[in-house]
Protein backbone atom coordinates (compact mmCIF):
# COMPACT_ATOMS: atom_id res chain seq x y z
CA MET A 1 -21.27 -44.96 -10.12
CA SER A 2 -24.04 -44.75 -12.54
CA GLU A 3 -23.48 -44.29 -16.73
CA PHE A 4 -25.09 -40.87 -16.28
CA VAL A 5 -22.93 -39.17 -13.24
CA VAL A 6 -20.22 -40.66 -15.34
CA GLU A 7 -20.88 -38.81 -18.51
CA THR A 8 -21.82 -35.49 -16.21
CA ILE A 9 -18.52 -35.50 -14.83
CA ALA A 10 -16.80 -36.16 -18.19
CA SER A 11 -18.66 -33.44 -19.99
CA ALA A 12 -18.31 -30.62 -16.98
CA PRO A 13 -16.87 -27.90 -18.78
CA ALA A 14 -12.87 -27.57 -18.55
CA VAL A 15 -13.12 -23.75 -17.71
CA ASP A 16 -13.82 -24.63 -14.08
CA ALA A 17 -10.31 -26.26 -13.34
CA PRO A 18 -8.61 -22.57 -13.16
CA VAL A 19 -11.23 -21.56 -11.20
CA ALA A 20 -11.01 -24.57 -8.63
CA ALA A 21 -7.35 -24.18 -8.82
CA THR A 22 -7.20 -20.52 -7.52
CA GLY A 23 -9.81 -21.44 -4.62
CA GLY A 24 -7.61 -24.10 -3.99
CA ILE A 25 -4.76 -21.80 -3.64
CA VAL A 26 -6.62 -19.41 -1.63
CA ARG A 27 -7.73 -21.88 0.88
CA ALA A 28 -4.15 -23.12 1.20
CA ILE A 29 -2.66 -19.52 2.04
CA GLU A 30 -5.43 -19.16 4.58
CA ARG A 31 -4.85 -22.31 6.13
CA ALA A 32 -1.11 -21.53 6.24
CA PHE A 33 -1.90 -18.22 8.02
CA GLU A 34 -4.59 -18.92 10.23
CA PRO A 35 -2.52 -19.05 13.39
CA ILE A 36 -1.70 -15.38 12.59
CA ARG A 37 -5.18 -14.76 11.85
CA GLU A 38 -6.58 -15.96 14.87
CA VAL A 39 -4.29 -13.57 16.95
CA LEU A 40 -4.53 -10.51 14.97
CA ARG A 41 -8.53 -10.89 14.13
CA PRO A 42 -9.65 -10.28 17.70
CA ILE A 43 -7.48 -7.33 18.14
CA LEU A 44 -8.25 -5.79 14.73
CA SER A 45 -12.19 -6.25 15.35
CA ASN A 46 -11.75 -4.18 18.90
CA PRO A 47 -13.55 -0.79 18.54
CA THR A 48 -11.50 0.49 21.55
CA VAL A 49 -8.07 -0.46 19.33
CA LEU A 50 -9.58 1.65 16.50
CA ALA A 51 -10.35 4.60 18.89
CA VAL A 52 -6.74 4.26 19.87
CA TRP A 53 -5.31 4.06 16.45
CA VAL A 54 -7.03 7.07 15.46
CA ALA A 55 -5.96 9.29 18.28
CA ILE A 56 -2.60 8.33 17.55
CA VAL A 57 -2.68 9.10 14.00
CA ALA A 58 -4.49 12.51 14.75
CA LEU A 59 -1.15 13.09 17.33
CA SER A 60 1.28 12.02 14.73
CA LEU A 61 -0.44 14.24 12.23
CA GLY A 62 -0.23 17.03 14.66
CA VAL A 63 3.51 16.61 15.26
CA LEU A 64 4.28 16.20 11.59
CA TRP A 65 2.51 19.45 10.52
CA TRP A 66 3.96 21.57 13.35
CA ASP A 67 7.34 20.46 12.56
CA LEU A 68 6.83 21.19 8.94
CA ARG A 69 5.47 24.81 9.73
CA GLU A 70 8.05 25.62 12.65
CA HIS A 71 11.37 23.56 11.38
CA ASN A 72 10.84 22.71 7.57
CA ARG A 73 9.05 25.19 5.41
CA ALA A 74 12.12 24.63 3.02
CA ILE A 75 10.79 21.02 2.05
CA GLY A 76 8.84 21.11 -1.43
CA SER A 77 4.94 21.14 -1.23
CA LEU A 78 4.93 17.72 -2.95
CA MET A 79 6.96 16.01 -0.34
CA LYS A 80 4.98 17.80 2.85
CA PHE A 81 1.83 16.15 0.52
CA VAL A 82 3.93 12.92 0.76
CA TRP A 83 4.81 12.85 4.27
CA THR A 84 1.22 13.90 5.42
CA LEU A 85 -0.13 10.57 3.56
CA THR A 86 2.63 8.37 5.17
CA VAL A 87 1.63 9.47 8.59
CA ALA A 88 -2.13 9.15 8.07
CA TYR A 89 -1.60 5.80 6.63
CA SER A 90 0.68 4.32 9.04
CA GLY A 91 0.71 7.11 12.25
CA PRO A 92 3.89 6.74 14.14
CA LEU A 93 5.76 4.50 11.82
CA GLY A 94 5.23 7.01 8.83
CA LEU A 95 6.24 9.90 11.38
CA THR A 96 9.39 8.10 12.41
CA VAL A 97 10.69 7.53 8.94
CA TYR A 98 9.73 11.21 8.15
CA TRP A 99 11.74 12.10 11.24
CA TYR A 100 14.74 10.41 10.82
CA THR A 101 15.00 10.43 6.52
CA GLY A 102 12.57 13.37 5.55
CA ARG A 103 13.77 16.90 7.51
CA THR A 104 16.18 19.32 6.78
CA GLN A 105 17.63 18.56 10.08
CA ILE A 106 19.37 15.05 9.18
CA ASP A 107 22.92 14.91 9.69
CA HIS A 108 23.67 13.21 6.38
CA ASP A 109 22.00 11.35 3.67
CA SER A 110 22.01 7.57 2.90
CA LEU A 111 21.24 4.71 0.75
CA TRP A 112 18.93 3.50 3.42
CA LYS A 113 17.07 7.05 3.86
CA ARG A 114 16.73 7.70 0.13
CA GLY A 115 14.97 4.19 0.00
CA PHE A 116 12.62 5.28 2.85
CA ARG A 117 11.87 8.59 0.95
CA SER A 118 11.37 6.76 -2.26
CA THR A 119 8.86 3.92 -0.77
CA SER A 120 7.01 6.86 0.93
CA HIS A 121 6.49 8.89 -2.46
CA CYS A 122 5.56 5.59 -3.79
CA TYR A 123 3.52 4.75 -0.63
CA SER A 124 1.37 7.79 -0.71
CA GLY A 125 -0.01 7.28 -4.10
CA CYS A 126 -0.53 3.66 -3.99
CA GLY A 127 -2.27 3.89 -0.54
CA ALA A 128 -4.95 5.99 -1.66
CA GLY A 129 -5.49 3.55 -4.68
CA GLU A 130 -5.82 0.59 -2.23
CA ILE A 131 -8.14 2.58 0.22
CA VAL A 132 -10.35 3.62 -2.57
CA GLY A 133 -10.40 0.12 -4.08
CA ILE A 134 -10.84 -1.93 -1.05
CA THR A 135 -13.85 0.81 -0.10
CA LEU A 136 -15.36 0.67 -3.34
CA ALA A 137 -14.96 -3.15 -4.30
CA GLN A 138 -15.46 -4.77 -1.00
CA GLY A 139 -17.31 -2.46 1.21
CA ILE A 140 -19.65 -0.62 -0.91
CA LEU A 141 -20.37 -2.94 -4.40
CA GLY A 142 -19.64 -6.51 -2.20
CA LEU A 143 -17.51 -7.94 -5.02
CA GLY A 144 -15.87 -11.38 -4.41
CA VAL A 145 -12.20 -11.87 -3.57
CA VAL A 146 -10.69 -12.06 -6.81
CA ALA A 147 -12.53 -9.06 -7.94
CA VAL A 148 -11.69 -6.88 -5.05
CA ALA A 149 -8.25 -7.73 -5.38
CA GLY A 150 -8.05 -6.80 -9.25
CA VAL A 151 -9.70 -3.56 -8.80
CA THR A 152 -7.60 -2.55 -6.04
CA PHE A 153 -4.48 -3.44 -7.63
CA ALA A 154 -5.68 -1.65 -10.85
CA LEU A 155 -6.39 1.74 -8.67
CA ALA A 156 -3.08 1.54 -6.93
CA TYR A 157 -1.30 1.33 -10.17
CA VAL A 158 -3.41 4.28 -11.73
CA PHE A 159 -2.84 6.49 -8.35
CA GLY A 160 0.95 5.47 -7.79
CA PHE A 161 1.74 6.35 -11.67
CA ALA A 162 -0.22 9.63 -11.12
CA LEU A 163 1.85 10.83 -8.37
CA THR A 164 4.98 10.22 -10.58
CA VAL A 165 3.76 11.26 -13.97
CA GLY A 166 2.31 14.51 -12.91
CA PRO A 167 5.26 16.06 -11.22
CA LEU A 168 7.17 14.80 -14.41
CA MET A 169 4.65 16.79 -16.71
CA GLN A 170 5.04 19.69 -14.70
CA ASP A 171 8.60 19.53 -14.88
CA GLY A 172 8.06 19.73 -18.73
CA VAL A 173 8.32 16.16 -19.50
CA GLY A 174 6.08 14.71 -22.28
CA PHE A 175 3.54 12.28 -21.16
CA LYS A 176 4.69 9.29 -23.13
CA GLU A 177 8.25 9.60 -21.68
CA ALA A 178 7.00 10.50 -17.94
CA PHE A 179 4.76 7.30 -18.27
CA VAL A 180 7.60 4.96 -19.66
CA ASP A 181 9.75 6.52 -16.69
CA ALA A 182 6.92 5.65 -13.97
CA LEU A 183 6.50 2.26 -15.69
CA TRP A 184 10.16 1.37 -15.43
CA SER A 185 11.05 2.47 -11.91
CA GLU A 186 7.68 2.06 -10.12
CA THR A 187 6.23 -1.01 -11.18
CA PRO A 188 8.38 -3.26 -8.87
CA SER A 189 7.83 -1.19 -5.78
CA ILE A 190 4.23 -1.12 -6.44
CA THR A 191 3.81 -4.76 -7.48
CA LEU A 192 5.09 -6.19 -4.44
CA MET A 193 3.76 -3.41 -2.04
CA GLU A 194 0.14 -3.91 -2.98
CA ILE A 195 0.87 -8.00 -3.18
CA ALA A 196 1.49 -7.63 0.69
CA ALA A 197 -1.04 -5.27 1.24
CA ILE A 198 -3.84 -6.48 -0.38
CA GLY A 199 -3.08 -9.85 0.39
CA THR A 200 -2.83 -9.00 4.08
CA ASP A 201 -5.95 -7.09 4.20
CA LEU A 202 -7.99 -9.86 2.54
CA LEU A 203 -6.47 -12.83 4.51
CA LEU A 204 -7.81 -10.72 7.54
CA ALA A 205 -10.97 -8.84 6.57
CA SER A 206 -12.36 -10.20 3.18
CA GLN A 207 -15.57 -11.00 4.66
CA ALA A 208 -15.70 -7.36 6.70
CA ALA A 209 -18.32 -4.93 5.85
CA MET A 210 -17.52 -1.18 5.92
CA GLY A 211 -19.55 -0.76 9.39
CA GLU A 212 -17.41 -3.42 10.94
CA THR A 213 -14.24 -2.38 13.22
CA LEU A 214 -12.16 -5.06 11.23
CA PHE A 215 -12.52 -3.69 7.80
CA TRP A 216 -10.69 -0.28 8.90
CA LEU A 217 -8.27 -1.52 11.20
CA ALA A 218 -7.00 -4.64 8.83
CA LEU A 219 -6.71 -2.05 5.98
CA ALA A 220 -4.80 0.53 8.19
CA PHE A 221 -2.55 -2.87 9.15
CA SER A 222 -2.08 -3.90 5.65
CA LEU A 223 -0.63 -0.27 4.24
CA SER A 224 2.07 -0.62 6.86
CA ILE A 225 2.61 -4.18 5.90
CA GLY A 226 2.79 -3.30 2.14
CA PHE A 227 5.39 -0.19 3.28
CA LEU A 228 7.79 -2.40 5.09
CA VAL A 229 7.74 -5.03 2.03
CA ALA A 230 8.27 -2.33 -0.35
CA TRP A 231 11.25 -0.63 1.28
CA PRO A 232 14.05 -3.10 0.66
CA VAL A 233 12.82 -3.00 -3.24
CA ASN A 234 12.96 0.80 -3.22
CA VAL A 235 16.58 0.39 -1.56
CA GLY A 236 17.83 -1.77 -4.47
CA LEU A 237 15.84 0.12 -7.43
CA VAL A 238 18.03 2.87 -5.86
CA SER A 239 21.28 1.39 -5.59
CA PHE A 240 20.89 -0.10 -8.95
CA GLY A 241 19.99 3.68 -10.60
CA VAL A 242 16.71 2.48 -11.56
CA LYS A 243 15.02 4.88 -9.39
CA GLU A 244 17.07 8.09 -8.18
CA GLY A 245 15.46 8.46 -5.16
CA MET A 246 14.05 11.74 -3.68
CA SER A 247 16.15 14.85 -3.09
CA ASP A 248 18.41 15.02 0.05
CA PRO A 249 16.25 17.26 2.54
CA SER A 250 19.50 18.48 4.36
CA GLN A 251 20.64 20.46 0.99
CA MET A 252 17.19 22.16 1.45
CA ASP A 253 17.99 24.07 4.67
């Protein structure tokens, strides 16, 4: 190797090292999950699967709205909004969670049901932030993986916190107190939910454009993964009293 090459390498900026390390970690994760990607990507790239999924979500929303109108008018408007978004994001999974944990007809409440309701509340806001973030940063602006993750994380926190801070302020709580409450109670759930959801989406569809089926199905799939990861976290937070959990719907009937 010539002296010129040696000197060039030695004088290379040190700032490249963290970037290289980050890229190495990303590639290592991609290699670890490659078998799963090979199975899921063809499925999530199929337009027929997308059409079927949209139909299932529409049917699930129809069942939800029918039940809310006919049998669960007592449920508050906030939770009706939460359940609508939960079902819109996760279709039959969201409807099942509502049916067994969110209706006034449940025979008794429990910690795991409170955990699901709390997760759904968090999920409704964070999911909106993730959809906006991925669509804006990746679909419209075409940013790199790290930038997409950063923008989406930020928007997920903003939307998630807003759904907690807003109702508290409507109840007369000051902004500072409401924000501190949200920061303390929601951060663990939002963080793990978005690590799982954004990570899943980028592993499956980081190069997909908005016009591709993979872009939308990977986003829908990643949302449900985030929900499932966040549920045990919320059960723990409710169990230790960090979060109160959403009200028992059976007491509203």
